């Protein structure tokens, strides 16, 4: 892979990660749940996603 293409790819990935963190921080800051509530919601979402994947693979 040519160096300019690699650098462009790295720049795009870093910008996308920064944008994701920025949006997540904004949503967490405006949430009435507070930091602990947001953490609990994220854990429940991850556990639910994993449970759904396990259940859907057994059908």
PDB file of N, CA and C in Angstrom:
ATOM      1  N   UNK A   1       0.850  -1.169   0.000  1.00  0.00           N
ATOM      2  CA  UNK A   1       0.000   0.000   0.000  1.00  0.00           C
ATOM      3  C   UNK A   1       0.902   1.241   0.000  1.00  0.00           C
ATOM      4  N   UNK A   2       0.622   2.175  -0.867  1.00  0.00           N
ATOM      5  CA  UNK A   2       1.430   3.391  -0.914  1.00  0.00           C
ATOM      6  C   UNK A   2       1.287   4.199   0.381  1.00  0.00           C
ATOM      7  N   UNK A   3       2.343   4.892   0.727  1.00  0.00           N
ATOM      8  CA  UNK A   3       2.378   5.664   1.979  1.00  0.00           C
ATOM      9  C   UNK A   3       1.290   6.736   2.049  1.00  0.00           C
ATOM     10  N   UNK A   4       1.039   7.512   0.996  1.00  0.00           N
ATOM     11  CA  UNK A   4      -0.024   8.522   1.098  1.00  0.00           C
ATOM     12  C   UNK A   4      -1.408   7.921   1.374  1.00  0.00           C
ATOM     13  N   UNK A   5      -1.688   6.772   0.773  1.00  0.00           N
ATOM     14  CA  UNK A   5      -2.984   6.125   1.018  1.00  0.00           C
ATOM     15  C   UNK A   5      -3.070   5.627   2.458  1.00  0.00           C
ATOM     16  N   UNK A   6      -1.986   5.083   2.990  1.00  0.00           N
ATOM     17  CA  UNK A   6      -1.957   4.622   4.367  1.00  0.00           C
ATOM     18  C   UNK A   6      -2.164   5.785   5.333  1.00  0.00           C
ATOM     19  N   UNK A   7      -1.495   6.901   5.071  1.00  0.00           N
ATOM     20  CA  UNK A   7      -1.649   8.061   5.938  1.00  0.00           C
ATOM     21  C   UNK A   7      -3.064   8.623   5.879  1.00  0.00           C
ATOM     22  N   UNK A   8      -3.670   8.633   4.698  1.00  0.00           N
ATOM     23  CA  UNK A   8      -5.045   9.092   4.574  1.00  0.00           C
ATOM     24  C   UNK A   8      -5.993   8.180   5.331  1.00  0.00           C
ATOM     25  N   UNK A   9      -5.785   6.888   5.239  1.00  0.00           N
ATOM     26  CA  UNK A   9      -6.612   5.932   5.956  1.00  0.00           C
ATOM     27  C   UNK A   9      -6.483   6.123   7.467  1.00  0.00           C
ATOM     28  N   UNK A  10      -5.258   6.295   7.948  1.00  0.00           N
ATOM     29  CA  UNK A  10      -5.057   6.538   9.370  1.00  0.00           C
ATOM     30  C   UNK A  10      -5.722   7.833   9.820  1.00  0.00           C
ATOM     31  N   UNK A  11      -5.634   8.874   9.011  1.00  0.00           N
ATOM     32  CA  UNK A  11      -6.271  10.145   9.341  1.00  0.00           C
ATOM     33  C   UNK A  11      -7.783   9.995   9.422  1.00  0.00           C
ATOM     34  N   UNK A  12      -8.377   9.283   8.488  1.00  0.00           N
ATOM     35  CA  UNK A  12      -9.824   9.077   8.495  1.00  0.00           C
ATOM     36  C   UNK A  12     -10.254   8.286   9.720  1.00  0.00           C
ATOM     37  N   UNK A  13      -9.525   7.240  10.068  1.00  0.00           N
ATOM     38  CA  UNK A  13      -9.873   6.419  11.228  1.00  0.00           C
ATOM     39  C   UNK A  13      -9.745   7.222  12.521  1.00  0.00           C
ATOM     40  N   UNK A  14      -8.693   8.012  12.653  1.00  0.00           N
ATOM     41  CA  UNK A  14      -8.496   8.815  13.859  1.00  0.00           C
ATOM     42  C   UNK A  14      -9.588   9.879  13.970  1.00  0.00           C
ATOM     43  N   UNK A  15      -9.943  10.505  12.854  1.00  0.00           N
ATOM     44  CA  UNK A  15     -11.017  11.506  12.884  1.00  0.00           C
ATOM     45  C   UNK A  15     -12.360  10.862  13.236  1.00  0.00           C
ATOM     46  N   UNK A  16     -12.638   9.690  12.708  1.00  0.00           N
ATOM     47  CA  UNK A  16     -13.890   9.005  13.019  1.00  0.00           C
ATOM     48  C   UNK A  16     -13.951   8.628  14.496  1.00  0.00           C
ATOM     49  N   UNK A  17     -12.847   8.179  15.057  1.00  0.00           N
ATOM     50  CA  UNK A  17     -12.813   7.844  16.482  1.00  0.00           C
ATOM     51  C   UNK A  17     -13.014   9.094  17.336  1.00  0.00           C
ATOM     52  N   UNK A  18     -12.378  10.178  16.967  1.00  0.00           N
ATOM     53  CA  UNK A  18     -12.547  11.422  17.706  1.00  0.00           C
ATOM     54  C   UNK A  18     -13.976  11.933  17.638  1.00  0.00           C
ATOM     55  N   UNK A  19     -14.605  11.832  16.463  1.00  0.00           N
ATOM     56  CA  UNK A  19     -15.994  12.256  16.313  1.00  0.00           C
ATOM     57  C   UNK A  19     -16.916  11.392  17.166  1.00  0.00           C
ATOM     58  N   UNK A  20     -16.650  10.086  17.211  1.00  0.00           N
ATOM     59  CA  UNK A  20     -17.462   9.183  18.021  1.00  0.00           C
ATOM     60  C   UNK A  20     -17.360   9.538  19.496  1.00  0.00           C
ATOM     61  N   UNK A  21     -16.161   9.802  19.967  1.00  0.00           N
ATOM     62  CA  UNK A  21     -15.970  10.181  21.371  1.00  0.00           C
ATOM     63  C   UNK A  21     -16.653  11.520  21.656  1.00  0.00           C
ATOM     64  N   UNK A  22     -16.565  12.457  20.733  1.00  0.00           N
ATOM     65  CA  UNK A  22     -17.180  13.774  20.909  1.00  0.00           C
ATOM     66  C   UNK A  22     -18.703  13.663  20.997  1.00  0.00           C
ATOM     67  N   UNK A  23     -19.313  12.883  20.110  1.00  0.00           N
ATOM     68  CA  UNK A  23     -20.763  12.699  20.137  1.00  0.00           C
ATOM     69  C   UNK A  23     -21.185  11.957  21.406  1.00  0.00           C
ATOM     70  N   UNK A  24     -20.438  10.929  21.775  1.00  0.00           N
ATOM     71  CA  UNK A  24     -20.757  10.188  23.002  1.00  0.00           C
ATOM     72  C   UNK A  24     -20.652  11.050  24.241  1.00  0.00           C
ATOM     73  N   UNK A  25     -19.651  11.896  24.307  1.00  0.00           N
ATOM     74  CA  UNK A  25     -19.506  12.787  25.455  1.00  0.00           C
ATOM     75  C   UNK A  25     -20.647  13.797  25.499  1.00  0.00           C
ATOM     76  N   UNK A  26     -21.039  14.289  24.343  1.00  0.00           N
ATOM     77  CA  UNK A  26     -22.165  15.219  24.298  1.00  0.00           C
ATOM     78  C   UNK A  26     -23.461  14.572  24.737  1.00  0.00           C
ATOM     79  N   UNK A  27     -23.711  13.356  24.292  1.00  0.00           N
ATOM     80  CA  UNK A  27     -24.922  12.651  24.708  1.00  0.00           C
ATOM     81  C   UNK A  27     -24.895  12.312  26.195  1.00  0.00           C
ATOM     82  N   UNK A  28     -23.753  11.898  26.695  1.00  0.00           N
ATOM     83  CA  UNK A  28     -23.644  11.566  28.114  1.00  0.00           C
ATOM     84  C   UNK A  28     -23.785  12.816  28.976  1.00  0.00           C
ATOM     85  N   UNK A  29     -23.303  13.937  28.491  1.00  0.00           N
ATOM     86  CA  UNK A  29     -23.380  15.175  29.257  1.00  0.00           C
ATOM     87  C   UNK A  29     -24.819  15.686  29.344  1.00  0.00           C
ATOM     88  N   UNK A  30     -25.610  15.482  28.296  1.00  0.00           N
ATOM     89  CA  UNK A  30     -26.987  15.963  28.275  1.00  0.00           C
ATOM     90  C   UNK A  30     -27.985  14.953  28.816  1.00  0.00           C
ATOM     91  N   UNK A  31     -27.517  13.815  29.230  1.00  0.00           N
ATOM     92  CA  UNK A  31     -28.391  12.767  29.719  1.00  0.00           C
ATOM     93  C   UNK A  31     -28.799  13.030  31.164  1.00  0.00           C
ATOM     94  N   UNK A  32     -30.063  12.799  31.504  1.00  0.00           N
ATOM     95  CA  UNK A  32     -30.483  12.986  32.891  1.00  0.00           C
ATOM     96  C   UNK A  32     -30.033  11.842  33.812  1.00  0.00           C
ATOM     97  N   UNK A  33     -29.432  10.797  33.248  1.00  0.00           N
ATOM     98  CA  UNK A  33     -29.036   9.643  34.047  1.00  0.00           C
ATOM     99  C   UNK A  33     -27.772   9.882  34.858  1.00  0.00           C
ATOM    100  N   UNK A  34     -26.917  10.734  34.400  1.00  0.00           N
ATOM    101  CA  UNK A  34     -25.632  10.932  35.066  1.00  0.00           C
ATOM    102  C   UNK A  34     -24.623   9.918  34.578  1.00  0.00           C
ATOM    103  N   UNK A  35     -23.367  10.074  34.989  1.00  0.00           N
ATOM    104  CA  UNK A  35     -22.317   9.172  34.489  1.00  0.00           C
ATOM    105  C   UNK A  35     -22.516   7.718  34.877  1.00  0.00           C
ATOM    106  N   UNK A  36     -22.993   7.470  36.092  1.00  0.00           N
ATOM    107  CA  UNK A  36     -23.173   6.080  36.532  1.00  0.00           C
ATOM    108  C   UNK A  36     -24.335   5.440  35.780  1.00  0.00           C
ATOM    109  N   UNK A  37     -25.391   6.189  35.566  1.00  0.00           N
ATOM    110  CA  UNK A  37     -26.536   5.672  34.819  1.00  0.00           C
ATOM    111  C   UNK A  37     -26.184   5.341  33.384  1.00  0.00           C
ATOM    112  N   UNK A  38     -25.385   6.198  32.760  1.00  0.00           N
ATOM    113  CA  UNK A  38     -24.951   5.940  31.387  1.00  0.00           C
ATOM    114  C   UNK A  38     -24.098   4.680  31.339  1.00  0.00           C
ATOM    115  N   UNK A  39     -23.235   4.491  32.326  1.00  0.00           N
ATOM    116  CA  UNK A  39     -22.423   3.276  32.381  1.00  0.00           C
ATOM    117  C   UNK A  39     -23.272   2.029  32.523  1.00  0.00           C
ATOM    118  N   UNK A  40     -24.293   2.117  33.359  1.00  0.00           N
ATOM    119  CA  UNK A  40     -25.187   0.968  33.544  1.00  0.00           C
ATOM    120  C   UNK A  40     -25.952   0.678  32.257  1.00  0.00           C
ATOM    121  N   UNK A  41     -26.424   1.716  31.590  1.00  0.00           N
ATOM    122  CA  UNK A  41     -27.152   1.528  30.335  1.00  0.00           C
ATOM    123  C   UNK A  41     -26.242   0.882  29.285  1.00  0.00           C
ATOM    124  N   UNK A  42     -24.987   1.321  29.200  1.00  0.00           N
ATOM    125  CA  UNK A  42     -24.064   0.726  28.231  1.00  0.00           C
ATOM    126  C   UNK A  42     -23.803  -0.747  28.533  1.00  0.00           C
ATOM    127  N   UNK A  43     -23.644  -1.082  29.804  1.00  0.00           N
ATOM    128  CA  UNK A  43     -23.415  -2.482  30.181  1.00  0.00           C
ATOM    129  C   UNK A  43     -24.628  -3.334  29.834  1.00  0.00           C
ATOM    130  N   UNK A  44     -25.826  -2.812  30.100  1.00  0.00           N
ATOM    131  CA  UNK A  44     -27.047  -3.555  29.774  1.00  0.00           C
ATOM    132  C   UNK A  44     -27.183  -3.730  28.262  1.00  0.00           C
ATOM    133  N   UNK A  45     -26.856  -2.702  27.494  1.00  0.00           N
ATOM    134  CA  UNK A  45     -26.917  -2.826  26.037  1.00  0.00           C
ATOM    135  C   UNK A  45     -25.933  -3.864  25.505  1.00  0.00           C
ATOM    136  N   UNK A  46     -24.730  -3.884  26.038  1.00  0.00           N
ATOM    137  CA  UNK A  46     -23.736  -4.865  25.590  1.00  0.00           C
ATOM    138  C   UNK A  46     -24.179  -6.272  25.974  1.00  0.00           C
ATOM    139  N   UNK A  47     -24.662  -6.445  27.195  1.00  0.00           N
ATOM    140  CA  UNK A  47     -25.120  -7.768  27.630  1.00  0.00           C
ATOM    141  C   UNK A  47     -26.320  -8.214  26.803  1.00  0.00           C
ATOM    142  N   UNK A  48     -27.233  -7.302  26.504  1.00  0.00           N
ATOM    143  CA  UNK A  48     -28.387  -7.637  25.675  1.00  0.00           C
ATOM    144  C   UNK A  48     -27.993  -8.027  24.266  1.00  0.00           C
ATOM    145  N   UNK A  49     -27.031  -7.315  23.710  1.00  0.00           N
ATOM    146  CA  UNK A  49     -26.546  -7.640  22.369  1.00  0.00           C
ATOM    147  C   UNK A  49     -25.909  -9.026  22.344  1.00  0.00           C
ATOM    148  N   UNK A  50     -25.091  -9.315  23.350  1.00  0.00           N
ATOM    149  CA  UNK A  50     -24.466 -10.638  23.414  1.00  0.00           C
ATOM    150  C   UNK A  50     -25.513 -11.731  23.593  1.00  0.00           C
ATOM    151  N   UNK A  51     -26.508 -11.495  24.453  1.00  0.00           N
ATOM    152  CA  UNK A  51     -27.564 -12.481  24.657  1.00  0.00           C
ATOM    153  C   UNK A  51     -28.349 -12.704  23.364  1.00  0.00           C
ATOM    154  N   UNK A  52     -28.659 -11.627  22.657  1.00  0.00           N
ATOM    155  CA  UNK A  52     -29.390 -11.752  21.400  1.00  0.00           C
ATOM    156  C   UNK A  52     -28.602 -12.567  20.373  1.00  0.00           C
ATOM    157  N   UNK A  53     -27.298 -12.322  20.294  1.00  0.00           N
ATOM    158  CA  UNK A  53     -26.474 -13.074  19.343  1.00  0.00           C
ATOM    159  C   UNK A  53     -26.412 -14.547  19.709  1.00  0.00           C
ATOM    160  N   UNK A  54     -26.339 -14.852  21.003  1.00  0.00           N
ATOM    161  CA  UNK A  54     -26.299 -16.254  21.429  1.00  0.00           C
ATOM    162  C   UNK A  54     -27.627 -16.938  21.123  1.00  0.00           C
ATOM    163  N   UNK A  55     -28.735 -16.249  21.426  1.00  0.00           N
ATOM    164  CA  UNK A  55     -30.050 -16.837  21.163  1.00  0.00           C
ATOM    165  C   UNK A  55     -30.291 -17.011  19.678  1.00  0.00           C
ATOM    166  N   UNK A  56     -29.929 -16.040  18.868  1.00  0.00           N
ATOM    167  CA  UNK A  56     -30.211 -16.128  17.435  1.00  0.00           C
ATOM    168  C   UNK A  56     -29.342 -17.177  16.747  1.00  0.00           C
ATOM    169  N   UNK A  57     -28.184 -17.502  17.267  1.00  0.00           N
ATOM    170  CA  UNK A  57     -27.337 -18.528  16.664  1.00  0.00           C
ATOM    171  C   UNK A  57     -27.818 -19.937  16.986  1.00  0.00           C
ATOM    172  N   UNK A  58     -28.629 -20.107  18.025  1.00  0.00           N
ATOM    173  CA  UNK A  58     -29.085 -21.440  18.416  1.00  0.00           C
ATOM    174  C   UNK A  58     -30.355 -21.855  17.694  1.00  0.00           C
ATOM    175  N   UNK A  59     -30.976 -20.966  16.941  1.00  0.00           N
ATOM    176  CA  UNK A  59     -32.219 -21.305  16.250  1.00  0.00           C
ATOM    177  C   UNK A  59     -31.992 -22.217  15.083  1.00  0.00           C
TER     178      UNK A  59
END
